[in-house]
C-alpha atoms as a PDB file:
ATOM      1  CA  UNK A   1      14.526 -14.658  -5.022  1.00  0.00           C
ATOM      2  CA  UNK A   2      12.688 -12.629  -7.967  1.00  0.00           C
ATOM      3  CA  UNK A   3      12.330  -9.380  -7.210  1.00  0.00           C
ATOM      4  CA  UNK A   4       9.151  -9.312  -9.606  1.00  0.00           C
ATOM      5  CA  UNK A   5       7.851 -11.960  -7.186  1.00  0.00           C
ATOM      6  CA  UNK A   6       5.306 -10.476  -4.254  1.00  0.00           C
ATOM      7  CA  UNK A   7       4.370 -13.485  -1.759  1.00  0.00           C
ATOM      8  CA  UNK A   8       1.943 -12.157   1.185  1.00  0.00           C
ATOM      9  CA  UNK A   9       2.472 -15.772   2.957  1.00  0.00           C
ATOM     10  CA  UNK A  10       5.919 -14.057   3.664  1.00  0.00           C
ATOM     11  CA  UNK A  11       4.963 -10.422   5.206  1.00  0.00           C
ATOM     12  CA  UNK A  12       2.606  -9.233   7.023  1.00  0.00           C
ATOM     13  CA  UNK A  13       2.802  -5.930   5.347  1.00  0.00           C
ATOM     14  CA  UNK A  14       4.132  -4.362   2.023  1.00  0.00           C
ATOM     15  CA  UNK A  15       5.929  -0.634   2.316  1.00  0.00           C
ATOM     16  CA  UNK A  16       7.015   1.164  -0.373  1.00  0.00           C
ATOM     17  CA  UNK A  17       9.861   3.877  -0.631  1.00  0.00           C
ATOM     18  CA  UNK A  18      10.345   6.446  -3.448  1.00  0.00           C
ATOM     19  CA  UNK A  19      11.664   5.151  -6.205  1.00  0.00           C
ATOM     20  CA  UNK A  20      11.390   4.534  -9.903  1.00  0.00           C
ATOM     21  CA  UNK A  21       9.029   2.673 -12.324  1.00  0.00           C
ATOM     22  CA  UNK A  22      10.127  -0.766 -11.219  1.00  0.00           C
ATOM     23  CA  UNK A  23       8.878  -0.266  -8.172  1.00  0.00           C
ATOM     24  CA  UNK A  24       6.143   1.450  -9.498  1.00  0.00           C
ATOM     25  CA  UNK A  25       5.313  -1.834 -10.943  1.00  0.00           C
ATOM     26  CA  UNK A  26       4.855  -3.561  -7.804  1.00  0.00           C
ATOM     27  CA  UNK A  27       3.345  -1.023  -6.300  1.00  0.00           C
ATOM     28  CA  UNK A  28       0.456  -1.470  -8.761  1.00  0.00           C
ATOM     29  CA  UNK A  29       0.095  -4.897  -8.261  1.00  0.00           C
ATOM     30  CA  UNK A  30       0.395  -5.008  -4.572  1.00  0.00           C
ATOM     31  CA  UNK A  31      -2.321  -2.478  -4.525  1.00  0.00           C
ATOM     32  CA  UNK A  32      -4.758  -4.161  -6.991  1.00  0.00           C
ATOM     33  CA  UNK A  33      -4.025  -8.003  -5.001  1.00  0.00           C
ATOM     34  CA  UNK A  34      -5.069  -5.700  -1.815  1.00  0.00           C
ATOM     35  CA  UNK A  35      -8.463  -3.836  -3.345  1.00  0.00           C
ATOM     36  CA  UNK A  36      -9.398  -7.274  -4.919  1.00  0.00           C
ATOM     37  CA  UNK A  37      -9.001  -9.110  -1.454  1.00  0.00           C
ATOM     38  CA  UNK A  38      -5.718 -11.766  -2.416  1.00  0.00           C
ATOM     39  CA  UNK A  39      -3.724 -10.048  -0.023  1.00  0.00           C
ATOM     40  CA  UNK A  40      -4.658  -9.489   3.631  1.00  0.00           C
ATOM     41  CA  UNK A  41      -1.869  -7.007   3.857  1.00  0.00           C
ATOM     42  CA  UNK A  42      -1.529  -3.306   3.815  1.00  0.00           C
ATOM     43  CA  UNK A  43       0.741  -1.591   1.152  1.00  0.00           C
ATOM     44  CA  UNK A  44       1.789   1.212   3.396  1.00  0.00           C
ATOM     45  CA  UNK A  45       3.821   3.888   0.471  1.00  0.00           C
ATOM     46  CA  UNK A  46       6.316   6.284   2.643  1.00  0.00           C
ATOM     47  CA  UNK A  47       5.360   9.025   1.227  1.00  0.00           C
ATOM     48  CA  UNK A  48       8.837  11.518   2.291  1.00  0.00           C
ATOM     49  CA  UNK A  49       8.481  15.136   0.957  1.00  0.00           C
ATOM     50  CA  UNK A  50       5.272  14.795  -0.551  1.00  0.00           C
ATOM     51  CA  UNK A  51       6.625  11.892  -3.350  1.00  0.00           C
ATOM     52  CA  UNK A  52       3.189  10.406  -3.385  1.00  0.00           C
ATOM     53  CA  UNK A  53       1.063  13.089  -3.234  1.00  0.00           C
ATOM     54  CA  UNK A  54       0.015  12.113  -7.298  1.00  0.00           C
ATOM     55  CA  UNK A  55      -0.492   8.735  -6.731  1.00  0.00           C
ATOM     56  CA  UNK A  56      -2.893   9.279  -3.910  1.00  0.00           C
ATOM     57  CA  UNK A  57      -4.739  12.427  -6.177  1.00  0.00           C
ATOM     58  CA  UNK A  58      -5.308   9.593  -8.614  1.00  0.00           C
ATOM     59  CA  UNK A  59      -6.870   7.310  -5.973  1.00  0.00           C
ATOM     60  CA  UNK A  60      -8.919   9.964  -4.862  1.00  0.00           C
ATOM     61  CA  UNK A  61      -9.932  10.873  -8.816  1.00  0.00           C
ATOM     62  CA  UNK A  62     -10.995   6.813  -9.618  1.00  0.00           C
ATOM     63  CA  UNK A  63     -12.906   6.903  -6.325  1.00  0.00           C
ATOM     64  CA  UNK A  64     -14.913  10.687  -7.449  1.00  0.00           C
ATOM     65  CA  UNK A  65     -15.434   9.233 -11.117  1.00  0.00           C
ATOM     66  CA  UNK A  66     -17.107   5.982  -9.169  1.00  0.00           C
ATOM     67  CA  UNK A  67     -14.044   3.809 -10.753  1.00  0.00           C
ATOM     68  CA  UNK A  68     -13.208   2.483  -6.916  1.00  0.00           C
ATOM     69  CA  UNK A  69     -14.103   3.072  -3.545  1.00  0.00           C
ATOM     70  CA  UNK A  70     -12.981   3.574  -0.561  1.00  0.00           C
ATOM     71  CA  UNK A  71     -13.641   0.151   0.618  1.00  0.00           C
ATOM     72  CA  UNK A  72     -11.507  -1.457  -2.591  1.00  0.00           C
ATOM     73  CA  UNK A  73      -8.825   1.094  -1.255  1.00  0.00           C
ATOM     74  CA  UNK A  74      -9.018   0.080   1.941  1.00  0.00           C
ATOM     75  CA  UNK A  75      -5.566  -1.584   2.953  1.00  0.00           C
ATOM     76  CA  UNK A  76      -3.297   1.018   1.161  1.00  0.00           C
ATOM     77  CA  UNK A  77      -2.179   3.304   3.494  1.00  0.00           C
ATOM     78  CA  UNK A  78       0.231   6.738   2.587  1.00  0.00           C
ATOM     79  CA  UNK A  79       2.746   7.584   5.555  1.00  0.00           C
ATOM     80  CA  UNK A  80       4.095  11.118   6.127  1.00  0.00           C
ATOM     81  CA  UNK A  81       7.101   9.568   8.395  1.00  0.00           C
ATOM     82  CA  UNK A  82       8.752   6.679   9.490  1.00  0.00           C
ATOM     83  CA  UNK A  83       7.054   6.923  12.752  1.00  0.00           C
ATOM     84  CA  UNK A  84       3.556   6.809  11.214  1.00  0.00           C
ATOM     85  CA  UNK A  85       4.759   3.432   9.240  1.00  0.00           C
ATOM     86  CA  UNK A  86       5.963   1.948  12.682  1.00  0.00           C
ATOM     87  CA  UNK A  87       2.208   2.933  13.856  1.00  0.00           C
ATOM     88  CA  UNK A  88       0.809   1.002  11.444  1.00  0.00           C
ATOM     89  CA  UNK A  89       3.035  -1.806  11.738  1.00  0.00           C
ATOM     90  CA  UNK A  90       2.226  -2.167  15.005  1.00  0.00           C
ATOM     91  CA  UNK A  91      -1.757  -2.386  14.677  1.00  0.00           C
ATOM     92  CA  UNK A  92      -0.838  -4.902  11.970  1.00  0.00           C
ATOM     93  CA  UNK A  93       0.847  -7.085  14.032  1.00  0.00           C
ATOM     94  CA  UNK A  94      -1.896  -6.577  17.056  1.00  0.00           C
ATOM     95  CA  UNK A  95      -4.901  -6.948  14.651  1.00  0.00           C
ATOM     96  CA  UNK A  96      -2.793 -10.412  13.455  1.00  0.00           C
ATOM     97  CA  UNK A  97      -2.718 -11.594  16.952  1.00  0.00           C
ATOM     98  CA  UNK A  98      -6.473 -11.790  17.898  1.00  0.00           C
END
């Protein structure tokens, strides 16, 4: 399977753990597709020990500068622990069953 391929049809959510630039590239692609409503799946970033704090700050900065808005970033989430990820996934599953 091509690691660069992102397929929203095979997943109810995208979860990113702390990693390097290759993962950052995939995160950017997923966040873009989520914000453009090309994917109906949440992008969850596991913010273990604040790893993604700077990315979160950047996304907020984009909103402050008028280059993005809350609606566009609606499907992007940061989870500080595995319990939060589990809760988010439970919500996605419950929402998908409606």
